Amino acid sequence: MKFYDCATAPSPRRVRIFIAEKELDIPTVQVDLRAGEHLKDEFRAINPHATVPVLELDDGTTLLDSNSISIYLEEAFPEPNLMGRDATEKAVIAGWNRFAEWEGLAAAAECLRNSAKGMKGRAITGPVSYEQIPDLAERGRQRAHHFINELNARLTDSAFLAGDRFTVADITAVVAVDFMKWIKVEAPEDAYGLKRWCSDVCLRPGVVN
């Protein structure tokens, strides 16, 4: 296998943490997004979507996003379990993972990509260039604050996002929380559930940047 990564990007970080939790050693290739390596023909031959992460399997199959890579690694290396052991647990974890992805990561990306000067003309990832929409940046910031509040409410009553153990949902959520620092959205002082969870999760070796 070969893992195409970018050390500064949130999406491949989700896979790096997943790999670390599984204690796997997968050869890694760094793709320099700032230099536009992902838009060059050489990389687009690997991933026509021009995004990272990518996991290239030994048979040449390429998996082109964090979720598909996680599903493959969970099946290929089932322990420790990160995505659920039965139908109910799998569904609960998938639901909270989607919440962290769409209400957390997507909100932060909406704000950042529509406001950062360095992303002018690149408001959406991929091979097609789209112009920034300032109103979307403000909406993304509002969504990010709402996510932080919802996450804190959940973690006030639950040890981890999807239940009583660390799962892929926590991986997505912690990456989202850290990503939100790029748009200056952080947990308020009285977000005790979120702060307790952050302290616990950030002790895990794979979560440390």
C-alpha atoms as a PDB file:
ATOM      1  CA  MET A   1       0.000   0.000   0.000  1.00  0.00           C
ATOM      2  CA  LYS A   2       0.941   3.635  -0.421  1.00  0.00           C
ATOM      3  CA  PHE A   3      -0.655   6.604   1.358  1.00  0.00           C
ATOM      4  CA  TYR A   4      -0.734  10.024  -0.308  1.00  0.00           C
ATOM      5  CA  ASP A   5      -0.800  12.627   2.464  1.00  0.00           C
ATOM      6  CA  CYS A   6      -0.403  16.330   3.130  1.00  0.00           C
ATOM      7  CA  ALA A   7       0.812  17.061   6.652  1.00  0.00           C
ATOM      8  CA  THR A   8      -0.987  20.416   6.886  1.00  0.00           C
ATOM      9  CA  ALA A   9      -4.427  19.355   5.593  1.00  0.00           C
ATOM     10  CA  PRO A  10      -7.290  18.137   7.804  1.00  0.00           C
ATOM     11  CA  SER A  11      -8.734  15.390   5.586  1.00  0.00           C
ATOM     12  CA  PRO A  12      -5.580  13.245   5.371  1.00  0.00           C
ATOM     13  CA  ARG A  13      -5.027  13.833   9.081  1.00  0.00           C
ATOM     14  CA  ARG A  14      -8.172  11.792   9.708  1.00  0.00           C
ATOM     15  CA  VAL A  15      -6.509   8.869   7.945  1.00  0.00           C
ATOM     16  CA  ARG A  16      -3.183   9.387   9.739  1.00  0.00           C
ATOM     17  CA  ILE A  17      -4.944   9.079  13.100  1.00  0.00           C
ATOM     18  CA  PHE A  18      -6.865   6.020  11.899  1.00  0.00           C
ATOM     19  CA  ILE A  19      -3.607   4.395  10.751  1.00  0.00           C
ATOM     20  CA  ALA A  20      -1.945   5.224  14.082  1.00  0.00           C
ATOM     21  CA  GLU A  21      -4.834   3.705  16.046  1.00  0.00           C
ATOM     22  CA  LYS A  22      -4.460   0.514  13.998  1.00  0.00           C
ATOM     23  CA  GLU A  23      -0.673   0.625  14.588  1.00  0.00           C
ATOM     24  CA  LEU A  24       0.007   0.209  10.879  1.00  0.00           C
ATOM     25  CA  ASP A  25       3.155   1.164   8.991  1.00  0.00           C
ATOM     26  CA  ILE A  26       2.145   2.339   5.524  1.00  0.00           C
ATOM     27  CA  PRO A  27       4.627   4.029   3.161  1.00  0.00           C
ATOM     28  CA  THR A  28       3.644   7.665   2.745  1.00  0.00           C
ATOM     29  CA  VAL A  29       4.099  10.212  -0.037  1.00  0.00           C
ATOM     30  CA  GLN A  30       3.681  13.886   0.862  1.00  0.00           C
ATOM     31  CA  VAL A  31       1.738  15.958  -1.674  1.00  0.00           C
ATOM     32  CA  ASP A  32       2.519  19.686  -1.487  1.00  0.00           C
ATOM     33  CA  LEU A  33      -0.877  21.359  -1.841  1.00  0.00           C
ATOM     34  CA  ARG A  34       0.543  24.861  -1.513  1.00  0.00           C
ATOM     35  CA  ALA A  35       2.799  24.233  -4.472  1.00  0.00           C
ATOM     36  CA  GLY A  36      -0.140  22.848  -6.448  1.00  0.00           C
ATOM     37  CA  GLU A  37       1.256  19.327  -6.800  1.00  0.00           C
ATOM     38  CA  HIS A  38      -2.264  17.912  -6.528  1.00  0.00           C
ATOM     39  CA  LEU A  39      -3.266  19.774  -9.703  1.00  0.00           C
ATOM     40  CA  LYS A  40      -0.418  18.443 -11.824  1.00  0.00           C
ATOM     41  CA  ASP A  41      -0.919  15.672 -14.373  1.00  0.00           C
ATOM     42  CA  GLU A  42       1.262  13.236 -12.432  1.00  0.00           C
ATOM     43  CA  PHE A  43      -0.976  13.318  -9.370  1.00  0.00           C
ATOM     44  CA  ARG A  44      -4.232  13.601 -11.314  1.00  0.00           C
ATOM     45  CA  ALA A  45      -3.313  10.321 -12.994  1.00  0.00           C
ATOM     46  CA  ILE A  46      -3.551   8.842  -9.500  1.00  0.00           C
ATOM     47  CA  ASN A  47      -6.583  10.849  -8.370  1.00  0.00           C
ATOM     48  CA  PRO A  48      -8.535  12.757 -11.038  1.00  0.00           C
ATOM     49  CA  HIS A  49     -10.370  14.589  -8.237  1.00  0.00           C
ATOM     50  CA  ALA A  50      -7.032  16.286  -7.389  1.00  0.00           C
ATOM     51  CA  THR A  51      -7.474  15.841  -3.630  1.00  0.00           C
ATOM     52  CA  VAL A  52      -5.811  14.073  -0.741  1.00  0.00           C
ATOM     53  CA  PRO A  53      -5.901  11.648   0.950  1.00  0.00           C
ATOM     54  CA  VAL A  54      -5.436   8.703  -1.393  1.00  0.00           C
ATOM     55  CA  LEU A  55      -4.659   5.121  -0.451  1.00  0.00           C
ATOM     56  CA  GLU A  56      -3.202   3.054  -3.283  1.00  0.00           C
ATOM     57  CA  LEU A  57      -3.615  -0.670  -2.683  1.00  0.00           C
ATOM     58  CA  ASP A  58      -1.169  -3.354  -3.750  1.00  0.00           C
ATOM     59  CA  ASP A  59      -3.433  -4.377  -6.646  1.00  0.00           C
ATOM     60  CA  GLY A  60      -3.508  -0.828  -7.982  1.00  0.00           C
ATOM     61  CA  THR A  61      -6.940   0.099  -6.608  1.00  0.00           C
ATOM     62  CA  THR A  62      -7.039   3.705  -5.417  1.00  0.00           C
ATOM     63  CA  LEU A  63      -9.308   4.880  -2.595  1.00  0.00           C
ATOM     64  CA  LEU A  64      -9.896   8.621  -2.920  1.00  0.00           C
ATOM     65  CA  ASP A  65     -11.355   9.903   0.361  1.00  0.00           C
ATOM     66  CA  SER A  66     -11.059   9.519   4.113  1.00  0.00           C
ATOM     67  CA  ASN A  67     -14.236   7.499   4.546  1.00  0.00           C
ATOM     68  CA  SER A  68     -13.527   4.871   1.901  1.00  0.00           C
ATOM     69  CA  ILE A  69      -9.972   4.487   3.191  1.00  0.00           C
ATOM     70  CA  SER A  70     -11.248   4.027   6.747  1.00  0.00           C
ATOM     71  CA  ILE A  71     -13.762   1.384   5.636  1.00  0.00           C
ATOM     72  CA  TYR A  72     -11.032  -0.551   3.829  1.00  0.00           C
ATOM     73  CA  LEU A  73      -8.576  -0.399   6.729  1.00  0.00           C
ATOM     74  CA  GLU A  74     -11.273  -1.433   9.210  1.00  0.00           C
ATOM     75  CA  GLU A  75     -12.093  -4.515   7.133  1.00  0.00           C
ATOM     76  CA  ALA A  76      -8.481  -5.392   6.412  1.00  0.00           C
ATOM     77  CA  PHE A  77      -7.261  -4.739   9.965  1.00  0.00           C
ATOM     78  CA  PRO A  78     -10.284  -5.212  12.254  1.00  0.00           C
ATOM     79  CA  GLU A  79      -8.559  -4.581  15.578  1.00  0.00           C
ATOM     80  CA  PRO A  80      -8.811  -2.281  17.366  1.00  0.00           C
ATOM     81  CA  ASN A  81     -12.363  -1.753  16.180  1.00  0.00           C
ATOM     82  CA  LEU A  82     -13.121   1.854  15.253  1.00  0.00           C
ATOM     83  CA  MET A  83     -16.348   1.635  13.251  1.00  0.00           C
ATOM     84  CA  GLY A  84     -18.666  -0.629  15.237  1.00  0.00           C
ATOM     85  CA  ARG A  85     -19.061  -4.317  16.072  1.00  0.00           C
ATOM     86  CA  ASP A  86     -22.766  -4.830  15.366  1.00  0.00           C
ATOM     87  CA  ALA A  87     -25.495  -3.234  13.283  1.00  0.00           C
ATOM     88  CA  THR A  88     -26.617  -0.802  15.972  1.00  0.00           C
ATOM     89  CA  GLU A  89     -23.151   0.355  16.963  1.00  0.00           C
ATOM     90  CA  LYS A  90     -22.093   0.732  13.322  1.00  0.00           C
ATOM     91  CA  ALA A  91     -25.122   2.906  12.617  1.00  0.00           C
ATOM     92  CA  VAL A  92     -24.627   5.081  15.709  1.00  0.00           C
ATOM     93  CA  ILE A  93     -20.940   5.626  14.956  1.00  0.00           C
ATOM     94  CA  ALA A  94     -21.667   6.384  11.286  1.00  0.00           C
ATOM     95  CA  GLY A  95     -24.298   8.941  12.302  1.00  0.00           C
ATOM     96  CA  TRP A  96     -22.008  10.806  14.670  1.00  0.00           C
ATOM     97  CA  ASN A  97     -19.144  10.601  12.176  1.00  0.00           C
ATOM     98  CA  ARG A  98     -21.364  12.229   9.556  1.00  0.00           C
ATOM     99  CA  PHE A  99     -22.342  14.914  12.067  1.00  0.00           C
ATOM    100  CA  ALA A 100     -18.672  15.734  12.744  1.00  0.00           C
ATOM    101  CA  GLU A 101     -17.855  15.704   9.050  1.00  0.00           C
ATOM    102  CA  TRP A 102     -20.719  17.840   7.717  1.00  0.00           C
ATOM    103  CA  GLU A 103     -21.450  20.130  10.638  1.00  0.00           C
ATOM    104  CA  GLY A 104     -17.818  20.440  11.725  1.00  0.00           C
ATOM    105  CA  LEU A 105     -15.243  19.926   8.976  1.00  0.00           C
ATOM    106  CA  ALA A 106     -17.487  21.165   6.171  1.00  0.00           C
ATOM    107  CA  ALA A 107     -18.463  24.281   8.114  1.00  0.00           C
ATOM    108  CA  ALA A 108     -14.844  25.215   8.807  1.00  0.00           C
ATOM    109  CA  ALA A 109     -13.887  24.545   5.195  1.00  0.00           C
ATOM    110  CA  GLU A 110     -16.795  26.679   3.957  1.00  0.00           C
ATOM    111  CA  CYS A 111     -15.557  29.592   6.047  1.00  0.00           C
ATOM    112  CA  LEU A 112     -11.850  29.210   5.330  1.00  0.00           C
ATOM    113  CA  ARG A 113     -12.038  28.540   1.617  1.00  0.00           C
ATOM    114  CA  ASN A 114     -14.383  31.477   1.048  1.00  0.00           C
ATOM    115  CA  SER A 115     -12.323  33.971   3.051  1.00  0.00           C
ATOM    116  CA  ALA A 116      -8.600  33.115   2.975  1.00  0.00           C
ATOM    117  CA  LYS A 117      -6.598  35.241   0.553  1.00  0.00           C
ATOM    118  CA  GLY A 118      -4.432  32.266  -0.362  1.00  0.00           C
ATOM    119  CA  MET A 119      -7.528  30.374  -1.553  1.00  0.00           C
ATOM    120  CA  LYS A 120      -8.834  33.081  -3.862  1.00  0.00           C
ATOM    121  CA  GLY A 121     -10.285  31.304  -6.874  1.00  0.00           C
ATOM    122  CA  ARG A 122     -10.061  27.956  -5.049  1.00  0.00           C
ATOM    123  CA  ALA A 123     -13.208  28.021  -2.899  1.00  0.00           C
ATOM    124  CA  ILE A 124     -13.861  24.316  -3.473  1.00  0.00           C
ATOM    125  CA  THR A 125     -11.294  21.538  -3.572  1.00  0.00           C
ATOM    126  CA  GLY A 126     -10.748  19.645  -6.793  1.00  0.00           C
ATOM    127  CA  PRO A 127      -9.657  20.297 -10.374  1.00  0.00           C
ATOM    128  CA  VAL A 128     -12.240  23.042 -11.079  1.00  0.00           C
ATOM    129  CA  SER A 129     -11.595  26.559  -9.769  1.00  0.00           C
ATOM    130  CA  TYR A 130     -14.484  28.376  -8.083  1.00  0.00           C
ATOM    131  CA  GLU A 131     -14.550  31.955  -6.833  1.00  0.00           C
ATOM    132  CA  GLN A 132     -15.038  32.782  -3.178  1.00  0.00           C
ATOM    133  CA  ILE A 133     -18.449  33.861  -1.867  1.00  0.00           C
ATOM    134  CA  PRO A 134     -18.019  36.029   1.267  1.00  0.00           C
ATOM    135  CA  ASP A 135     -21.538  35.265   2.519  1.00  0.00           C
ATOM    136  CA  LEU A 136     -20.655  31.568   2.613  1.00  0.00           C
ATOM    137  CA  ALA A 137     -17.648  32.367   4.780  1.00  0.00           C
ATOM    138  CA  GLU A 138     -19.894  34.030   7.343  1.00  0.00           C
ATOM    139  CA  ARG A 139     -22.376  31.172   7.191  1.00  0.00           C
ATOM    140  CA  GLY A 140     -19.569  28.681   7.727  1.00  0.00           C
ATOM    141  CA  ARG A 141     -18.394  30.569  10.801  1.00  0.00           C
ATOM    142  CA  GLN A 142     -21.921  30.533  12.237  1.00  0.00           C
ATOM    143  CA  ARG A 143     -22.188  26.806  11.558  1.00  0.00           C
ATOM    144  CA  ALA A 144     -18.842  26.248  13.262  1.00  0.00           C
ATOM    145  CA  HIS A 145     -20.009  27.956  16.441  1.00  0.00           C
ATOM    146  CA  HIS A 146     -23.198  25.897  16.394  1.00  0.00           C
ATOM    147  CA  PHE A 147     -21.157  22.716  15.954  1.00  0.00           C
ATOM    148  CA  ILE A 148     -18.989  23.537  18.960  1.00  0.00           C
ATOM    149  CA  ASN A 149     -22.085  24.040  21.108  1.00  0.00           C
ATOM    150  CA  GLU A 150     -23.721  20.811  19.923  1.00  0.00           C
ATOM    151  CA  LEU A 151     -20.506  18.874  20.397  1.00  0.00           C
ATOM    152  CA  ASN A 152     -20.128  20.177  23.938  1.00  0.00           C
ATOM    153  CA  ALA A 153     -23.725  19.213  24.763  1.00  0.00           C
ATOM    154  CA  ARG A 154     -23.158  15.675  23.509  1.00  0.00           C
ATOM    155  CA  LEU A 155     -19.839  15.264  25.329  1.00  0.00           C
ATOM    156  CA  THR A 156     -21.285  16.555  28.581  1.00  0.00           C
ATOM    157  CA  ASP A 157     -23.350  13.355  28.707  1.00  0.00           C
ATOM    158  CA  SER A 158     -21.137  10.909  26.794  1.00  0.00           C
ATOM    159  CA  ALA A 159     -17.515   9.867  27.332  1.00  0.00           C
ATOM    160  CA  PHE A 160     -16.878   9.833  23.585  1.00  0.00           C
ATOM    161  CA  LEU A 161     -18.854  11.134  20.650  1.00  0.00           C
ATOM    162  CA  ALA A 162     -20.526   7.844  19.684  1.00  0.00           C
ATOM    163  CA  GLY A 163     -20.589   6.170  23.086  1.00  0.00           C
ATOM    164  CA  ASP A 164     -18.227   4.842  25.718  1.00  0.00           C
ATOM    165  CA  ARG A 165     -15.142   4.264  23.562  1.00  0.00           C
ATOM    166  CA  PHE A 166     -12.938   6.048  21.028  1.00  0.00           C
ATOM    167  CA  THR A 167     -14.105   5.585  17.417  1.00  0.00           C
ATOM    168  CA  VAL A 168     -13.768   7.076  13.951  1.00  0.00           C
ATOM    169  CA  ALA A 169     -16.387   9.659  14.975  1.00  0.00           C
ATOM    170  CA  ASP A 170     -13.962  11.042  17.569  1.00  0.00           C
ATOM    171  CA  ILE A 171     -11.223  11.154  14.950  1.00  0.00           C
ATOM    172  CA  THR A 172     -13.349  13.285  12.644  1.00  0.00           C
ATOM    173  CA  ALA A 173     -14.507  15.493  15.499  1.00  0.00           C
ATOM    174  CA  VAL A 174     -11.059  16.226  16.909  1.00  0.00           C
ATOM    175  CA  VAL A 175      -9.759  17.084  13.436  1.00  0.00           C
ATOM    176  CA  ALA A 176     -12.757  19.398  12.985  1.00  0.00           C
ATOM    177  CA  VAL A 177     -12.173  21.124  16.334  1.00  0.00           C
ATOM    178  CA  ASP A 178      -8.513  21.703  15.523  1.00  0.00           C
ATOM    179  CA  PHE A 179      -9.342  22.843  11.988  1.00  0.00           C
ATOM    180  CA  MET A 180     -11.691  25.479  13.412  1.00  0.00           C
ATOM    181  CA  LYS A 181      -8.743  27.210  15.032  1.00  0.00           C
ATOM    182  CA  TRP A 182      -7.801  28.280  11.492  1.00  0.00           C
ATOM    183  CA  ILE A 183     -10.981  30.386  11.415  1.00  0.00           C
ATOM    184  CA  LYS A 184     -10.569  31.474  15.050  1.00  0.00           C
ATOM    185  CA  VAL A 185     -13.470  29.430  16.406  1.00  0.00           C
ATOM    186  CA  GLU A 186     -12.646  27.685  19.673  1.00  0.00           C
ATOM    187  CA  ALA A 187     -14.501  26.187  22.613  1.00  0.00           C
ATOM    188  CA  PRO A 188     -15.747  28.747  25.153  1.00  0.00           C
ATOM    189  CA  GLU A 189     -14.428  28.550  28.702  1.00  0.00           C
ATOM    190  CA  ASP A 190     -17.597  26.933  30.018  1.00  0.00           C
ATOM    191  CA  ALA A 191     -17.603  24.107  27.436  1.00  0.00           C
ATOM    192  CA  TYR A 192     -16.607  21.608  30.099  1.00  0.00           C
ATOM    193  CA  GLY A 193     -17.697  18.457  28.285  1.00  0.00           C
ATOM    194  CA  LEU A 194     -15.787  19.382  25.139  1.00  0.00           C
ATOM    195  CA  LYS A 195     -12.695  20.439  27.068  1.00  0.00           C
ATOM    196  CA  ARG A 196     -12.681  17.207  29.090  1.00  0.00           C
ATOM    197  CA  TRP A 197     -12.985  15.153  25.900  1.00  0.00           C
ATOM    198  CA  CYS A 198     -10.253  17.170  24.149  1.00  0.00           C
ATOM    199  CA  SER A 199      -7.885  16.559  27.057  1.00  0.00           C
ATOM    200  CA  ASP A 200      -8.549  12.812  26.936  1.00  0.00           C
ATOM    201  CA  VAL A 201      -8.423  12.411  23.169  1.00  0.00           C
ATOM    202  CA  CYS A 202      -5.333  14.550  22.672  1.00  0.00           C
ATOM    203  CA  LEU A 203      -3.335  12.160  24.867  1.00  0.00           C
ATOM    204  CA  ARG A 204      -3.634   9.491  22.169  1.00  0.00           C
ATOM    205  CA  PRO A 205      -0.366   9.215  20.185  1.00  0.00           C
ATOM    206  CA  GLY A 206      -2.077   9.339  16.804  1.00  0.00           C
ATOM    207  CA  VAL A 207      -3.907  12.582  17.570  1.00  0.00           C
ATOM    208  CA  VAL A 208      -0.758  14.535  18.382  1.00  0.00           C
ATOM    209  CA  ASN A 209       0.275  16.530  15.310  1.00  0.00           C
END
